[in-house]
């Protein structure tokens, strides 16, 4: 019984129907899994932000430090002037 063939959508190389990857270009025939790295980074940033706000409120300090506010004002003043 002859093996069925399929063709790589990226490079056009023929492959056996059971192959998972193209032997010429490496294209995956099984589909790609979405990486959760971007989701993990977003969650980590949210956790850090919540911790920052919580600590600043606990210490009864402004959420944004005064020095940072002054630096931002100076940057915008230089761009405007």
N, C-alpha and C. Protein backbone atom coordinates (compact mmCIF):
# COMPACT_ATOMS: atom_id res chain seq x y z
N UNK A 1 0.86 -1.18 0.00
CA UNK A 1 0.00 0.00 0.00
C UNK A 1 0.90 1.24 0.00
N UNK A 2 0.64 2.18 -0.89
CA UNK A 2 1.46 3.37 -1.03
C UNK A 2 1.10 4.38 0.04
N UNK A 3 2.15 5.06 0.51
CA UNK A 3 1.93 6.11 1.52
C UNK A 3 1.32 7.33 0.84
N UNK A 4 0.41 7.96 1.55
CA UNK A 4 -0.18 9.18 1.02
C UNK A 4 0.81 10.32 1.21
N UNK A 5 0.79 11.25 0.29
CA UNK A 5 1.70 12.39 0.33
C UNK A 5 0.92 13.67 0.62
N UNK A 6 1.61 14.60 1.22
CA UNK A 6 1.08 15.95 1.39
C UNK A 6 2.21 16.91 1.06
N UNK A 7 1.88 18.16 0.89
CA UNK A 7 2.88 19.14 0.50
C UNK A 7 2.96 20.24 1.55
N UNK A 8 4.17 20.68 1.78
CA UNK A 8 4.41 21.75 2.75
C UNK A 8 3.84 23.06 2.20
N UNK A 9 3.03 23.75 3.00
CA UNK A 9 2.46 25.02 2.53
C UNK A 9 3.50 26.14 2.45
N UNK A 10 4.63 25.96 3.12
CA UNK A 10 5.66 26.99 3.11
C UNK A 10 6.60 26.86 1.92
N UNK A 11 7.13 25.63 1.70
CA UNK A 11 8.15 25.48 0.66
C UNK A 11 7.71 24.58 -0.50
N UNK A 12 6.62 23.82 -0.34
CA UNK A 12 6.11 22.98 -1.41
C UNK A 12 6.71 21.58 -1.48
N UNK A 13 7.62 21.24 -0.58
CA UNK A 13 8.26 19.92 -0.55
C UNK A 13 7.21 18.86 -0.20
N UNK A 14 7.27 17.72 -0.88
CA UNK A 14 6.33 16.64 -0.56
C UNK A 14 6.78 15.95 0.72
N UNK A 15 5.80 15.45 1.46
CA UNK A 15 6.07 14.77 2.73
C UNK A 15 5.06 13.65 2.89
N UNK A 16 5.40 12.66 3.70
CA UNK A 16 4.46 11.58 4.01
C UNK A 16 3.33 12.13 4.88
N UNK A 17 2.17 11.53 4.79
CA UNK A 17 1.01 12.04 5.51
C UNK A 17 1.20 11.99 7.03
N UNK A 18 2.06 11.11 7.53
CA UNK A 18 2.26 11.00 8.97
C UNK A 18 3.34 11.92 9.52
N UNK A 19 4.04 12.63 8.65
CA UNK A 19 5.12 13.51 9.11
C UNK A 19 4.55 14.70 9.89
N UNK A 20 5.30 15.09 10.90
CA UNK A 20 4.90 16.24 11.71
C UNK A 20 5.55 17.53 11.24
N UNK A 21 6.74 17.40 10.64
CA UNK A 21 7.50 18.56 10.19
C UNK A 21 8.00 18.34 8.77
N UNK A 22 8.18 19.44 8.05
CA UNK A 22 8.77 19.39 6.72
C UNK A 22 10.27 19.18 6.89
N UNK A 23 10.83 18.21 6.14
CA UNK A 23 12.26 17.93 6.27
C UNK A 23 13.12 18.99 5.57
N UNK A 24 12.51 19.80 4.73
CA UNK A 24 13.27 20.83 4.02
C UNK A 24 13.33 22.15 4.81
N UNK A 25 12.18 22.64 5.26
CA UNK A 25 12.16 23.96 5.91
C UNK A 25 11.80 23.92 7.39
N UNK A 26 11.33 22.77 7.89
CA UNK A 26 11.02 22.65 9.32
C UNK A 26 9.62 23.10 9.70
N UNK A 27 8.79 23.43 8.73
CA UNK A 27 7.42 23.86 9.02
C UNK A 27 6.66 22.75 9.74
N UNK A 28 5.92 23.12 10.78
CA UNK A 28 5.14 22.14 11.54
C UNK A 28 3.80 21.90 10.87
N UNK A 29 3.48 20.64 10.60
CA UNK A 29 2.19 20.28 10.02
C UNK A 29 1.11 20.14 11.08
N UNK A 30 1.49 20.03 12.34
CA UNK A 30 0.53 19.80 13.41
C UNK A 30 -0.02 21.08 13.99
N UNK A 31 0.46 22.21 13.56
CA UNK A 31 0.00 23.48 14.10
C UNK A 31 0.87 23.90 15.26
N UNK A 32 0.85 25.15 15.50
CA UNK A 32 1.70 25.68 16.58
C UNK A 32 0.88 25.91 17.82
N UNK A 33 1.51 25.65 18.94
CA UNK A 33 0.89 25.97 20.21
C UNK A 33 1.17 27.42 20.51
N UNK A 34 0.18 28.09 21.03
CA UNK A 34 0.39 29.48 21.41
C UNK A 34 1.20 29.51 22.69
N UNK A 35 2.23 30.33 22.67
CA UNK A 35 3.07 30.40 23.86
C UNK A 35 2.38 31.23 24.92
N UNK A 36 2.60 30.86 26.14
CA UNK A 36 2.00 31.58 27.24
C UNK A 36 2.99 32.55 27.85
N UNK A 37 4.12 32.78 27.18
CA UNK A 37 5.13 33.67 27.75
C UNK A 37 4.63 35.11 27.83
N UNK A 38 3.90 35.58 26.84
CA UNK A 38 3.40 36.95 26.90
C UNK A 38 2.35 37.09 28.01
N UNK A 39 1.53 36.07 28.17
CA UNK A 39 0.54 36.10 29.25
C UNK A 39 1.23 36.10 30.61
N UNK A 40 2.30 35.33 30.74
CA UNK A 40 3.05 35.26 31.99
C UNK A 40 3.69 36.61 32.31
N UNK A 41 4.24 37.26 31.30
CA UNK A 41 4.86 38.56 31.50
C UNK A 41 3.84 39.60 31.95
N UNK A 42 2.67 39.59 31.32
CA UNK A 42 1.62 40.54 31.69
C UNK A 42 1.17 40.31 33.12
N UNK A 43 0.98 39.07 33.49
CA UNK A 43 0.56 38.76 34.87
C UNK A 43 1.64 39.19 35.85
N UNK A 44 2.90 38.94 35.53
CA UNK A 44 4.00 39.34 36.42
C UNK A 44 4.03 40.86 36.59
N UNK A 45 3.85 41.61 35.50
CA UNK A 45 3.84 43.06 35.58
C UNK A 45 2.67 43.58 36.43
N UNK A 46 1.52 42.96 36.29
CA UNK A 46 0.37 43.35 37.11
C UNK A 46 0.63 43.09 38.58
N UNK A 47 1.22 41.94 38.89
CA UNK A 47 1.53 41.61 40.28
C UNK A 47 2.53 42.62 40.85
N UNK A 48 3.56 42.95 40.08
CA UNK A 48 4.55 43.93 40.54
C UNK A 48 3.89 45.29 40.77
N UNK A 49 3.02 45.71 39.85
CA UNK A 49 2.34 46.99 39.99
C UNK A 49 1.46 47.02 41.24
N UNK A 50 0.72 45.95 41.47
CA UNK A 50 -0.15 45.89 42.65
C UNK A 50 0.69 45.91 43.92
N UNK A 51 1.80 45.18 43.94
CA UNK A 51 2.69 45.20 45.11
C UNK A 51 3.26 46.60 45.33
N UNK A 52 3.70 47.25 44.24
CA UNK A 52 4.24 48.61 44.36
C UNK A 52 3.21 49.55 44.98
N UNK A 53 2.00 49.52 44.46
CA UNK A 53 0.95 50.40 44.97
C UNK A 53 0.64 50.08 46.42
N UNK A 54 0.54 48.79 46.74
CA UNK A 54 0.26 48.39 48.12
C UNK A 54 1.33 48.84 49.09
N UNK A 55 2.58 48.68 48.72
CA UNK A 55 3.68 49.09 49.61
C UNK A 55 3.69 50.61 49.78
N UNK A 56 3.51 51.34 48.67
CA UNK A 56 3.52 52.81 48.76
C UNK A 56 2.36 53.31 49.61
N UNK A 57 1.19 52.69 49.49
CA UNK A 57 0.05 53.10 50.31
C UNK A 57 0.28 52.73 51.77
N UNK A 58 0.84 51.58 52.02
CA UNK A 58 1.13 51.14 53.40
C UNK A 58 2.11 52.09 54.07
N UNK A 59 3.10 52.55 53.33
CA UNK A 59 4.10 53.47 53.87
C UNK A 59 3.62 54.92 53.84
N UNK A 60 2.38 55.14 53.41
CA UNK A 60 1.77 56.47 53.32
C UNK A 60 2.62 57.43 52.51
N UNK A 61 3.09 56.91 51.37
CA UNK A 61 3.86 57.71 50.43
C UNK A 61 3.08 57.80 49.13
N UNK A 62 3.36 58.85 48.34
CA UNK A 62 2.67 58.93 47.04
C UNK A 62 3.02 57.72 46.18
N UNK A 63 2.06 57.29 45.39
CA UNK A 63 2.28 56.11 44.54
C UNK A 63 3.41 56.36 43.55
N UNK A 64 3.44 57.58 42.98
CA UNK A 64 4.52 57.95 42.07
C UNK A 64 5.48 58.85 42.84
N UNK A 65 6.74 58.46 42.99
CA UNK A 65 7.69 59.27 43.76
C UNK A 65 7.86 60.68 43.16
N UNK A 66 8.06 61.66 44.05
CA UNK A 66 8.19 63.05 43.62
C UNK A 66 9.33 63.25 42.63
N UNK A 67 10.46 62.57 42.84
CA UNK A 67 11.59 62.70 41.93
C UNK A 67 11.24 62.26 40.52
N UNK A 68 10.46 61.23 40.40
CA UNK A 68 10.03 60.75 39.08
C UNK A 68 9.10 61.75 38.41
N UNK A 69 8.22 62.35 39.19
CA UNK A 69 7.31 63.36 38.64
C UNK A 69 8.10 64.54 38.11
N UNK A 70 9.09 65.00 38.87
CA UNK A 70 9.92 66.12 38.43
C UNK A 70 10.69 65.78 37.16
N UNK A 71 11.21 64.55 37.09
CA UNK A 71 11.95 64.12 35.90
C UNK A 71 11.04 64.13 34.68
N UNK A 72 9.82 63.64 34.82
CA UNK A 72 8.87 63.62 33.71
C UNK A 72 8.51 65.04 33.28
N UNK A 73 8.30 65.93 34.26
CA UNK A 73 8.00 67.33 33.94
C UNK A 73 9.14 67.96 33.16
N UNK A 74 10.38 67.70 33.58
CA UNK A 74 11.54 68.26 32.90
C UNK A 74 11.66 67.75 31.47
N UNK A 75 11.38 66.48 31.26
CA UNK A 75 11.45 65.90 29.91
C UNK A 75 10.44 66.57 28.99
N UNK A 76 9.21 66.74 29.47
CA UNK A 76 8.18 67.36 28.64
C UNK A 76 8.44 68.84 28.46
N UNK A 77 9.03 69.50 29.44
CA UNK A 77 9.35 70.93 29.31
C UNK A 77 10.41 71.13 28.24
N UNK A 78 11.40 70.23 28.16
CA UNK A 78 12.45 70.34 27.14
C UNK A 78 11.88 70.11 25.75
N UNK A 79 10.95 69.17 25.61
CA UNK A 79 10.35 68.88 24.30
C UNK A 79 9.47 70.03 23.85
N UNK A 80 8.75 70.66 24.77
CA UNK A 80 7.83 71.74 24.42
C UNK A 80 8.60 73.04 24.14
N UNK A 81 9.71 73.24 24.80
CA UNK A 81 10.43 74.53 24.70
C UNK A 81 11.48 74.51 23.71
